[in-house]
């Protein structure tokens, strides 16, 4: 292996095709999109050089502020929910269910493979108020509470989206974190138990520090995925009511393809890219500081 890695020709042959595909699929579109930020218009009507007008508009557009606020709030809540639920399930798989967790893991993971539109339609039916009450409103009526228009206000719509996305994704993070927990040496856990570390003390002092690398990777994966949320919101609320549940991705899509302004849409995409980059760097640096203190 060392002889292969030391051979530059072998490296070019092995990595060249992958790098070429990555460059054409990822890097070229990114550079192309950044070039669009200095123009207005689209491929049909033509492009006009706009200089920095798109960036000026970006910082003064109230719709961008609303979309950015929703995106950040959604990302924080969903990431916390995904990681907490996933980690709790992973701990249950390892320390409670143990070898009998296969069926439970399969059932919890099943929503991950369902189409987003199917899951959104399921939740629409569960929370609907017209033309007939869904399951949730029927249960509320059963205990004497009036039906709630869950998709009629921004706050209730937000929490329905949160519930749906955590439910359908927690199985993925449970399996991801489970893979990190099973790598913890059993003899280390047994030694900690002999020293009196059980329950929460065992998790806090042994399990959590040893599973930190996979936990950190899960947080970064989750926060970047939630900042770029698109399909679940389009399928469930389409950004409504009004624009209260419109993330940056949906606003970018509408600006570029519905309103035909590729330049401003690319500026919104650049804002989202910088946001993901800043969050990732912040998490990495925070984790490195914690490790240095330890």
C-alpha atoms as a PDB file:
ATOM      1  CA  UNK A   1       0.000   0.000   0.000  1.00  0.00           C
ATOM      2  CA  UNK A   2       2.853   2.407   0.824  1.00  0.00           C
ATOM      3  CA  UNK A   3       4.439   1.771  -2.565  1.00  0.00           C
ATOM      4  CA  UNK A   4       1.141   2.519  -4.305  1.00  0.00           C
ATOM      5  CA  UNK A   5       0.567   5.729  -2.324  1.00  0.00           C
ATOM      6  CA  UNK A   6       4.127   6.820  -3.088  1.00  0.00           C
ATOM      7  CA  UNK A   7       3.635   6.385  -6.838  1.00  0.00           C
ATOM      8  CA  UNK A   8       2.275   9.634  -8.319  1.00  0.00           C
ATOM      9  CA  UNK A   9       1.141   7.932 -11.518  1.00  0.00           C
ATOM     10  CA  UNK A  10      -0.830   5.372  -9.534  1.00  0.00           C
ATOM     11  CA  UNK A  11      -2.445   8.154  -7.484  1.00  0.00           C
ATOM     12  CA  UNK A  12      -3.451  10.008 -10.645  1.00  0.00           C
ATOM     13  CA  UNK A  13      -4.957   6.843 -12.136  1.00  0.00           C
ATOM     14  CA  UNK A  14      -6.848   5.985  -8.938  1.00  0.00           C
ATOM     15  CA  UNK A  15      -8.004   9.459  -7.923  1.00  0.00           C
ATOM     16  CA  UNK A  16      -8.155  11.190 -11.311  1.00  0.00           C
ATOM     17  CA  UNK A  17     -11.615   9.965 -12.413  1.00  0.00           C
ATOM     18  CA  UNK A  18     -13.162  10.720  -9.012  1.00  0.00           C
ATOM     19  CA  UNK A  19     -11.579  14.181  -8.899  1.00  0.00           C
ATOM     20  CA  UNK A  20     -12.742  14.902 -12.450  1.00  0.00           C
ATOM     21  CA  UNK A  21     -16.332  13.942 -11.652  1.00  0.00           C
ATOM     22  CA  UNK A  22     -16.224  15.937  -8.390  1.00  0.00           C
ATOM     23  CA  UNK A  23     -14.853  18.974 -10.221  1.00  0.00           C
ATOM     24  CA  UNK A  24     -17.498  18.842 -12.951  1.00  0.00           C
ATOM     25  CA  UNK A  25     -20.419  18.091 -10.636  1.00  0.00           C
ATOM     26  CA  UNK A  26     -19.498  20.204  -7.598  1.00  0.00           C
ATOM     27  CA  UNK A  27     -16.727  22.752  -8.096  1.00  0.00           C
ATOM     28  CA  UNK A  28     -17.668  24.058 -11.554  1.00  0.00           C
ATOM     29  CA  UNK A  29     -21.339  24.700 -10.602  1.00  0.00           C
ATOM     30  CA  UNK A  30     -20.212  26.475  -7.410  1.00  0.00           C
ATOM     31  CA  UNK A  31     -17.897  28.811  -9.331  1.00  0.00           C
ATOM     32  CA  UNK A  32     -20.547  29.292 -12.030  1.00  0.00           C
ATOM     33  CA  UNK A  33     -23.150  30.170  -9.409  1.00  0.00           C
ATOM     34  CA  UNK A  34     -20.808  32.662  -7.763  1.00  0.00           C
ATOM     35  CA  UNK A  35     -20.373  34.337 -11.145  1.00  0.00           C
ATOM     36  CA  UNK A  36     -24.154  34.712 -11.445  1.00  0.00           C
ATOM     37  CA  UNK A  37     -24.204  36.848  -8.275  1.00  0.00           C
ATOM     38  CA  UNK A  38     -22.854  39.805 -10.264  1.00  0.00           C
ATOM     39  CA  UNK A  39     -25.646  39.633 -12.868  1.00  0.00           C
ATOM     40  CA  UNK A  40     -29.420  39.899 -13.024  1.00  0.00           C
ATOM     41  CA  UNK A  41     -31.802  38.100 -15.362  1.00  0.00           C
ATOM     42  CA  UNK A  42     -31.933  34.524 -16.626  1.00  0.00           C
ATOM     43  CA  UNK A  43     -30.972  32.340 -19.580  1.00  0.00           C
ATOM     44  CA  UNK A  44     -34.170  33.181 -21.495  1.00  0.00           C
ATOM     45  CA  UNK A  45     -34.357  36.970 -21.106  1.00  0.00           C
ATOM     46  CA  UNK A  46     -30.596  37.417 -20.958  1.00  0.00           C
ATOM     47  CA  UNK A  47     -28.196  38.616 -18.282  1.00  0.00           C
ATOM     48  CA  UNK A  48     -27.351  42.166 -17.279  1.00  0.00           C
ATOM     49  CA  UNK A  49     -24.307  43.094 -15.232  1.00  0.00           C
ATOM     50  CA  UNK A  50     -25.498  44.267 -11.805  1.00  0.00           C
ATOM     51  CA  UNK A  51     -22.252  44.627  -9.883  1.00  0.00           C
ATOM     52  CA  UNK A  52     -22.895  44.373  -6.149  1.00  0.00           C
ATOM     53  CA  UNK A  53     -26.600  45.219  -6.391  1.00  0.00           C
ATOM     54  CA  UNK A  54     -27.615  41.644  -5.546  1.00  0.00           C
ATOM     55  CA  UNK A  55     -25.596  41.748  -2.313  1.00  0.00           C
ATOM     56  CA  UNK A  56     -27.072  45.115  -1.372  1.00  0.00           C
ATOM     57  CA  UNK A  57     -30.538  43.729  -1.968  1.00  0.00           C
ATOM     58  CA  UNK A  58     -29.649  40.615   0.020  1.00  0.00           C
ATOM     59  CA  UNK A  59     -28.947  42.606   3.187  1.00  0.00           C
ATOM     60  CA  UNK A  60     -32.071  44.767   2.869  1.00  0.00           C
ATOM     61  CA  UNK A  61     -34.615  42.147   1.789  1.00  0.00           C
ATOM     62  CA  UNK A  62     -37.130  41.412   4.609  1.00  0.00           C
ATOM     63  CA  UNK A  63     -37.991  38.078   2.978  1.00  0.00           C
ATOM     64  CA  UNK A  64     -34.364  36.994   3.353  1.00  0.00           C
ATOM     65  CA  UNK A  65     -34.427  37.893   7.046  1.00  0.00           C
ATOM     66  CA  UNK A  66     -37.627  35.904   7.543  1.00  0.00           C
ATOM     67  CA  UNK A  67     -36.260  32.909   5.643  1.00  0.00           C
ATOM     68  CA  UNK A  68     -32.913  33.084   7.460  1.00  0.00           C
ATOM     69  CA  UNK A  69     -34.641  33.288  10.845  1.00  0.00           C
ATOM     70  CA  UNK A  70     -36.797  30.266  10.072  1.00  0.00           C
ATOM     71  CA  UNK A  71     -33.837  28.295   8.663  1.00  0.00           C
ATOM     72  CA  UNK A  72     -31.662  28.860  11.743  1.00  0.00           C
ATOM     73  CA  UNK A  73     -34.497  28.151  14.172  1.00  0.00           C
ATOM     74  CA  UNK A  74     -35.480  25.014  12.283  1.00  0.00           C
ATOM     75  CA  UNK A  75     -31.861  23.797  12.088  1.00  0.00           C
ATOM     76  CA  UNK A  76     -31.249  24.242  15.826  1.00  0.00           C
ATOM     77  CA  UNK A  77     -34.471  22.560  16.939  1.00  0.00           C
ATOM     78  CA  UNK A  78     -34.261  19.669  14.478  1.00  0.00           C
ATOM     79  CA  UNK A  79     -30.564  19.026  15.144  1.00  0.00           C
ATOM     80  CA  UNK A  80     -31.117  18.917  18.907  1.00  0.00           C
ATOM     81  CA  UNK A  81     -34.118  16.613  18.443  1.00  0.00           C
ATOM     82  CA  UNK A  82     -32.379  14.304  15.973  1.00  0.00           C
ATOM     83  CA  UNK A  83     -29.220  13.927  18.062  1.00  0.00           C
ATOM     84  CA  UNK A  84     -30.999  13.524  21.409  1.00  0.00           C
ATOM     85  CA  UNK A  85     -33.540  11.030  20.101  1.00  0.00           C
ATOM     86  CA  UNK A  86     -30.921   9.199  18.052  1.00  0.00           C
ATOM     87  CA  UNK A  87     -28.502   8.964  20.978  1.00  0.00           C
ATOM     88  CA  UNK A  88     -31.239   7.829  23.372  1.00  0.00           C
ATOM     89  CA  UNK A  89     -32.289   5.112  20.919  1.00  0.00           C
ATOM     90  CA  UNK A  90     -28.662   4.068  20.375  1.00  0.00           C
ATOM     91  CA  UNK A  91     -28.141   3.751  24.134  1.00  0.00           C
ATOM     92  CA  UNK A  92     -31.309   1.677  24.364  1.00  0.00           C
ATOM     93  CA  UNK A  93     -30.098  -0.606  21.563  1.00  0.00           C
ATOM     94  CA  UNK A  94     -26.716  -1.193  23.225  1.00  0.00           C
ATOM     95  CA  UNK A  95     -27.481  -1.320  26.950  1.00  0.00           C
ATOM     96  CA  UNK A  96     -31.135  -2.416  27.187  1.00  0.00           C
ATOM     97  CA  UNK A  97     -32.188  -4.364  24.102  1.00  0.00           C
ATOM     98  CA  UNK A  98     -28.664  -5.561  23.214  1.00  0.00           C
ATOM     99  CA  UNK A  99     -28.799  -8.473  20.734  1.00  0.00           C
ATOM    100  CA  UNK A 100     -32.597  -8.347  20.529  1.00  0.00           C
ATOM    101  CA  UNK A 101     -32.545  -4.806  19.077  1.00  0.00           C
ATOM    102  CA  UNK A 102     -32.529  -5.874  15.406  1.00  0.00           C
ATOM    103  CA  UNK A 103     -36.298  -5.720  14.926  1.00  0.00           C
ATOM    104  CA  UNK A 104     -36.659  -2.440  16.813  1.00  0.00           C
ATOM    105  CA  UNK A 105     -33.821  -0.880  14.817  1.00  0.00           C
ATOM    106  CA  UNK A 106     -35.489  -1.934  11.575  1.00  0.00           C
ATOM    107  CA  UNK A 107     -38.873  -0.523  12.602  1.00  0.00           C
ATOM    108  CA  UNK A 108     -37.403   2.789  13.791  1.00  0.00           C
ATOM    109  CA  UNK A 109     -35.265   3.087  10.650  1.00  0.00           C
ATOM    110  CA  UNK A 110     -38.209   2.361   8.310  1.00  0.00           C
ATOM    111  CA  UNK A 111     -39.436   6.026   8.034  1.00  0.00           C
ATOM    112  CA  UNK A 112     -35.993   6.989   6.695  1.00  0.00           C
ATOM    113  CA  UNK A 113     -36.559   5.017   3.479  1.00  0.00           C
ATOM    114  CA  UNK A 114     -40.103   6.304   2.920  1.00  0.00           C
ATOM    115  CA  UNK A 115     -40.553   8.979   0.224  1.00  0.00           C
ATOM    116  CA  UNK A 116     -40.744  12.476   1.666  1.00  0.00           C
ATOM    117  CA  UNK A 117     -44.015  13.193  -0.136  1.00  0.00           C
ATOM    118  CA  UNK A 118     -45.613  10.076   1.363  1.00  0.00           C
ATOM    119  CA  UNK A 119     -44.574  11.086   4.882  1.00  0.00           C
ATOM    120  CA  UNK A 120     -45.819  14.659   4.314  1.00  0.00           C
ATOM    121  CA  UNK A 121     -49.203  13.411   3.066  1.00  0.00           C
ATOM    122  CA  UNK A 122     -49.462  11.170   6.128  1.00  0.00           C
ATOM    123  CA  UNK A 123     -48.884  14.120   8.467  1.00  0.00           C
ATOM    124  CA  UNK A 124     -51.247  16.327   6.480  1.00  0.00           C
ATOM    125  CA  UNK A 125     -54.002  13.770   6.993  1.00  0.00           C
ATOM    126  CA  UNK A 126     -53.139  13.345  10.664  1.00  0.00           C
ATOM    127  CA  UNK A 127     -53.291  17.091  11.416  1.00  0.00           C
ATOM    128  CA  UNK A 128     -55.951  18.266   8.946  1.00  0.00           C
ATOM    129  CA  UNK A 129     -59.094  20.117  10.000  1.00  0.00           C
ATOM    130  CA  UNK A 130     -60.963  20.211   6.669  1.00  0.00           C
ATOM    131  CA  UNK A 131     -62.812  18.650   4.948  1.00  0.00           C
ATOM    132  CA  UNK A 132     -62.781  16.405   8.016  1.00  0.00           C
ATOM    133  CA  UNK A 133     -60.796  16.189  11.217  1.00  0.00           C
ATOM    134  CA  UNK A 134     -57.585  14.221  11.123  1.00  0.00           C
ATOM    135  CA  UNK A 135     -56.430  11.800  13.797  1.00  0.00           C
ATOM    136  CA  UNK A 136     -54.940  14.488  16.055  1.00  0.00           C
ATOM    137  CA  UNK A 137     -58.023  16.719  16.035  1.00  0.00           C
ATOM    138  CA  UNK A 138     -60.260  13.687  16.513  1.00  0.00           C
ATOM    139  CA  UNK A 139     -58.298  12.781  19.639  1.00  0.00           C
ATOM    140  CA  UNK A 140     -58.559  16.366  20.872  1.00  0.00           C
ATOM    141  CA  UNK A 141     -62.322  16.330  20.307  1.00  0.00           C
ATOM    142  CA  UNK A 142     -62.496  13.078  22.222  1.00  0.00           C
ATOM    143  CA  UNK A 143     -61.149  14.757  25.361  1.00  0.00           C
ATOM    144  CA  UNK A 144     -63.318  17.859  24.935  1.00  0.00           C
ATOM    145  CA  UNK A 145     -60.831  20.143  23.173  1.00  0.00           C
ATOM    146  CA  UNK A 146     -61.806  22.038  20.015  1.00  0.00           C
ATOM    147  CA  UNK A 147     -60.119  21.256  16.698  1.00  0.00           C
ATOM    148  CA  UNK A 148     -56.944  23.179  15.906  1.00  0.00           C
ATOM    149  CA  UNK A 149     -56.011  24.526  12.484  1.00  0.00           C
ATOM    150  CA  UNK A 150     -52.442  23.246  12.672  1.00  0.00           C
ATOM    151  CA  UNK A 151     -51.443  24.664   9.293  1.00  0.00           C
ATOM    152  CA  UNK A 152     -53.196  27.991   9.795  1.00  0.00           C
ATOM    153  CA  UNK A 153     -50.549  29.663  11.967  1.00  0.00           C
ATOM    154  CA  UNK A 154     -46.784  29.884  11.747  1.00  0.00           C
ATOM    155  CA  UNK A 155     -46.094  28.498  15.232  1.00  0.00           C
ATOM    156  CA  UNK A 156     -48.259  25.383  14.925  1.00  0.00           C
ATOM    157  CA  UNK A 157     -47.038  24.720  11.363  1.00  0.00           C
ATOM    158  CA  UNK A 158     -43.445  24.944  12.585  1.00  0.00           C
ATOM    159  CA  UNK A 159     -43.982  22.326  15.282  1.00  0.00           C
ATOM    160  CA  UNK A 160     -45.755  19.963  12.906  1.00  0.00           C
ATOM    161  CA  UNK A 161     -42.743  20.201  10.574  1.00  0.00           C
ATOM    162  CA  UNK A 162     -40.405  19.582  13.524  1.00  0.00           C
ATOM    163  CA  UNK A 163     -42.379  16.541  14.654  1.00  0.00           C
ATOM    164  CA  UNK A 164     -42.450  15.087  11.147  1.00  0.00           C
ATOM    165  CA  UNK A 165     -38.762  15.579  10.384  1.00  0.00           C
ATOM    166  CA  UNK A 166     -37.550  14.267  13.753  1.00  0.00           C
ATOM    167  CA  UNK A 167     -39.813  11.215  13.462  1.00  0.00           C
ATOM    168  CA  UNK A 168     -38.628  10.329   9.995  1.00  0.00           C
ATOM    169  CA  UNK A 169     -34.912  10.930  10.588  1.00  0.00           C
ATOM    170  CA  UNK A 170     -34.194   9.809  14.158  1.00  0.00           C
ATOM    171  CA  UNK A 171     -33.790   6.190  13.029  1.00  0.00           C
ATOM    172  CA  UNK A 172     -30.889   7.176  10.777  1.00  0.00           C
ATOM    173  CA  UNK A 173     -29.037   8.959  13.583  1.00  0.00           C
ATOM    174  CA  UNK A 174     -29.827   6.116  15.967  1.00  0.00           C
ATOM    175  CA  UNK A 175     -28.060   3.668  13.653  1.00  0.00           C
ATOM    176  CA  UNK A 176     -25.192   6.107  13.050  1.00  0.00           C
ATOM    177  CA  UNK A 177     -24.602   6.633  16.759  1.00  0.00           C
ATOM    178  CA  UNK A 178     -25.175   2.956  17.487  1.00  0.00           C
ATOM    179  CA  UNK A 179     -22.220   2.146  15.232  1.00  0.00           C
ATOM    180  CA  UNK A 180     -20.061   4.408  17.415  1.00  0.00           C
ATOM    181  CA  UNK A 181     -21.296   2.901  20.676  1.00  0.00           C
ATOM    182  CA  UNK A 182     -20.649  -0.716  19.705  1.00  0.00           C
ATOM    183  CA  UNK A 183     -17.005   0.188  19.024  1.00  0.00           C
ATOM    184  CA  UNK A 184     -16.464   1.000  22.707  1.00  0.00           C
ATOM    185  CA  UNK A 185     -14.376  -1.855  24.208  1.00  0.00           C
ATOM    186  CA  UNK A 186     -16.487  -4.068  26.435  1.00  0.00           C
ATOM    187  CA  UNK A 187     -13.613  -4.597  28.889  1.00  0.00           C
ATOM    188  CA  UNK A 188     -13.455  -0.819  29.468  1.00  0.00           C
ATOM    189  CA  UNK A 189     -17.163  -0.717  30.270  1.00  0.00           C
ATOM    190  CA  UNK A 190     -16.823  -3.721  32.554  1.00  0.00           C
ATOM    191  CA  UNK A 191     -13.904  -2.106  34.396  1.00  0.00           C
ATOM    192  CA  UNK A 192     -15.960   1.048  34.894  1.00  0.00           C
ATOM    193  CA  UNK A 193     -18.845  -1.014  36.281  1.00  0.00           C
ATOM    194  CA  UNK A 194     -16.499  -2.745  38.735  1.00  0.00           C
ATOM    195  CA  UNK A 195     -15.351   0.703  39.893  1.00  0.00           C
ATOM    196  CA  UNK A 196     -18.963   1.613  40.649  1.00  0.00           C
ATOM    197  CA  UNK A 197     -19.826   3.579  37.495  1.00  0.00           C
ATOM    198  CA  UNK A 198     -23.372   2.604  36.529  1.00  0.00           C
ATOM    199  CA  UNK A 199     -26.331   4.285  34.877  1.00  0.00           C
ATOM    200  CA  UNK A 200     -25.866   7.987  34.217  1.00  0.00           C
ATOM    201  CA  UNK A 201     -22.328   8.017  35.665  1.00  0.00           C
ATOM    202  CA  UNK A 202     -21.251   5.343  33.195  1.00  0.00           C
ATOM    203  CA  UNK A 203     -22.756   7.229  30.271  1.00  0.00           C
ATOM    204  CA  UNK A 204     -21.383  10.627  31.345  1.00  0.00           C
ATOM    205  CA  UNK A 205     -17.831   9.593  32.224  1.00  0.00           C
ATOM    206  CA  UNK A 206     -17.150   6.674  29.866  1.00  0.00           C
ATOM    207  CA  UNK A 207     -19.665   6.252  27.043  1.00  0.00           C
ATOM    208  CA  UNK A 208     -20.129   9.908  26.081  1.00  0.00           C
ATOM    209  CA  UNK A 209     -16.404  10.830  25.846  1.00  0.00           C
ATOM    210  CA  UNK A 210     -15.567   7.672  23.879  1.00  0.00           C
ATOM    211  CA  UNK A 211     -18.441   8.215  21.455  1.00  0.00           C
ATOM    212  CA  UNK A 212     -17.646  11.914  20.962  1.00  0.00           C
ATOM    213  CA  UNK A 213     -16.056  11.544  17.467  1.00  0.00           C
ATOM    214  CA  UNK A 214     -19.145   9.903  15.943  1.00  0.00           C
ATOM    215  CA  UNK A 215     -21.396  12.253  17.933  1.00  0.00           C
ATOM    216  CA  UNK A 216     -19.554  15.261  16.533  1.00  0.00           C
ATOM    217  CA  UNK A 217     -19.825  13.884  12.997  1.00  0.00           C
ATOM    218  CA  UNK A 218     -23.558  13.350  13.512  1.00  0.00           C
ATOM    219  CA  UNK A 219     -24.034  16.941  14.713  1.00  0.00           C
ATOM    220  CA  UNK A 220     -22.186  18.370  11.697  1.00  0.00           C
ATOM    221  CA  UNK A 221     -24.100  16.084   9.336  1.00  0.00           C
ATOM    222  CA  UNK A 222     -27.411  17.036  10.934  1.00  0.00           C
ATOM    223  CA  UNK A 223     -26.871  20.815  11.106  1.00  0.00           C
ATOM    224  CA  UNK A 224     -25.729  21.012   7.498  1.00  0.00           C
ATOM    225  CA  UNK A 225     -28.642  18.874   6.330  1.00  0.00           C
ATOM    226  CA  UNK A 226     -31.220  20.910   8.243  1.00  0.00           C
ATOM    227  CA  UNK A 227     -29.831  24.235   7.046  1.00  0.00           C
ATOM    228  CA  UNK A 228     -30.422  22.987   3.491  1.00  0.00           C
ATOM    229  CA  UNK A 229     -33.935  21.625   4.143  1.00  0.00           C
ATOM    230  CA  UNK A 230     -36.218  21.785   1.120  1.00  0.00           C
ATOM    231  CA  UNK A 231     -38.264  18.738   0.190  1.00  0.00           C
ATOM    232  CA  UNK A 232     -40.104  18.083   3.474  1.00  0.00           C
ATOM    233  CA  UNK A 233     -41.280  21.687   3.817  1.00  0.00           C
ATOM    234  CA  UNK A 234     -42.349  21.935   0.171  1.00  0.00           C
ATOM    235  CA  UNK A 235     -44.324  18.711   0.522  1.00  0.00           C
ATOM    236  CA  UNK A 236     -45.959  19.594   3.856  1.00  0.00           C
ATOM    237  CA  UNK A 237     -46.615  23.371   3.919  1.00  0.00           C
ATOM    238  CA  UNK A 238     -45.016  24.759   0.722  1.00  0.00           C
ATOM    239  CA  UNK A 239     -43.594  27.538   2.878  1.00  0.00           C
ATOM    240  CA  UNK A 240     -46.941  28.650   4.290  1.00  0.00           C
ATOM    241  CA  UNK A 241     -48.931  30.097   5.817  1.00  0.00           C
ATOM    242  CA  UNK A 242     -47.657  33.096   3.898  1.00  0.00           C
ATOM    243  CA  UNK A 243     -43.876  32.812   3.988  1.00  0.00           C
ATOM    244  CA  UNK A 244     -43.589  31.934   7.688  1.00  0.00           C
ATOM    245  CA  UNK A 245     -42.154  28.443   7.049  1.00  0.00           C
ATOM    246  CA  UNK A 246     -40.116  29.332   3.969  1.00  0.00           C
ATOM    247  CA  UNK A 247     -36.416  28.377   4.359  1.00  0.00           C
ATOM    248  CA  UNK A 248     -33.577  29.949   2.400  1.00  0.00           C
ATOM    249  CA  UNK A 249     -33.517  27.017  -0.024  1.00  0.00           C
ATOM    250  CA  UNK A 250     -37.166  27.460  -1.004  1.00  0.00           C
ATOM    251  CA  UNK A 251     -36.815  31.228  -1.303  1.00  0.00           C
ATOM    252  CA  UNK A 252     -33.737  30.703  -3.486  1.00  0.00           C
ATOM    253  CA  UNK A 253     -35.641  28.218  -5.670  1.00  0.00           C
ATOM    254  CA  UNK A 254     -38.595  30.542  -6.147  1.00  0.00           C
ATOM    255  CA  UNK A 255     -36.366  33.533  -6.866  1.00  0.00           C
ATOM    256  CA  UNK A 256     -34.330  31.661  -9.460  1.00  0.00           C
ATOM    257  CA  UNK A 257     -36.931  29.540 -11.243  1.00  0.00           C
ATOM    258  CA  UNK A 258     -40.326  31.103 -10.488  1.00  0.00           C
ATOM    259  CA  UNK A 259     -39.244  34.744 -10.772  1.00  0.00           C
ATOM    260  CA  UNK A 260     -36.394  34.103 -13.229  1.00  0.00           C
ATOM    261  CA  UNK A 261     -33.715  36.022 -11.321  1.00  0.00           C
ATOM    262  CA  UNK A 262     -30.695  33.737 -11.371  1.00  0.00           C
ATOM    263  CA  UNK A 263     -28.358  36.388 -10.008  1.00  0.00           C
ATOM    264  CA  UNK A 264     -30.286  37.125  -6.833  1.00  0.00           C
ATOM    265  CA  UNK A 265     -31.061  33.428  -6.374  1.00  0.00           C
ATOM    266  CA  UNK A 266     -27.326  32.677  -6.561  1.00  0.00           C
ATOM    267  CA  UNK A 267     -26.688  35.369  -3.952  1.00  0.00           C
ATOM    268  CA  UNK A 268     -29.112  33.624  -1.596  1.00  0.00           C
ATOM    269  CA  UNK A 269     -27.368  30.314  -2.342  1.00  0.00           C
ATOM    270  CA  UNK A 270     -24.017  31.910  -1.487  1.00  0.00           C
ATOM    271  CA  UNK A 271     -25.434  33.155   1.826  1.00  0.00           C
ATOM    272  CA  UNK A 272     -26.587  29.625   2.642  1.00  0.00           C
ATOM    273  CA  UNK A 273     -23.177  28.185   1.712  1.00  0.00           C
ATOM    274  CA  UNK A 274     -21.375  30.649   3.971  1.00  0.00           C
ATOM    275  CA  UNK A 275     -23.810  29.874   6.785  1.00  0.00           C
ATOM    276  CA  UNK A 276     -23.092  26.133   6.523  1.00  0.00           C
ATOM    277  CA  UNK A 277     -19.346  26.806   6.412  1.00  0.00           C
ATOM    278  CA  UNK A 278     -19.398  29.091   9.462  1.00  0.00           C
ATOM    279  CA  UNK A 279     -21.447  26.619  11.513  1.00  0.00           C
ATOM    280  CA  UNK A 280     -19.154  23.712  10.591  1.00  0.00           C
ATOM    281  CA  UNK A 281     -15.991  25.665  11.485  1.00  0.00           C
ATOM    282  CA  UNK A 282     -17.558  26.796  14.769  1.00  0.00           C
ATOM    283  CA  UNK A 283     -18.426  23.204  15.766  1.00  0.00           C
ATOM    284  CA  UNK A 284     -14.944  21.950  14.842  1.00  0.00           C
ATOM    285  CA  UNK A 285     -13.160  24.699  16.781  1.00  0.00           C
ATOM    286  CA  UNK A 286     -15.440  24.274  19.808  1.00  0.00           C
ATOM    287  CA  UNK A 287     -14.766  20.542  19.893  1.00  0.00           C
ATOM    288  CA  UNK A 288     -10.998  21.086  19.561  1.00  0.00           C
ATOM    289  CA  UNK A 289     -11.024  23.536  22.475  1.00  0.00           C
ATOM    290  CA  UNK A 290     -12.893  21.006  24.608  1.00  0.00           C
ATOM    291  CA  UNK A 291     -10.413  18.274  23.713  1.00  0.00           C
ATOM    292  CA  UNK A 292      -7.487  20.578  24.515  1.00  0.00           C
ATOM    293  CA  UNK A 293      -8.942  21.390  27.944  1.00  0.00           C
ATOM    294  CA  UNK A 294      -9.414  17.699  28.656  1.00  0.00           C
END
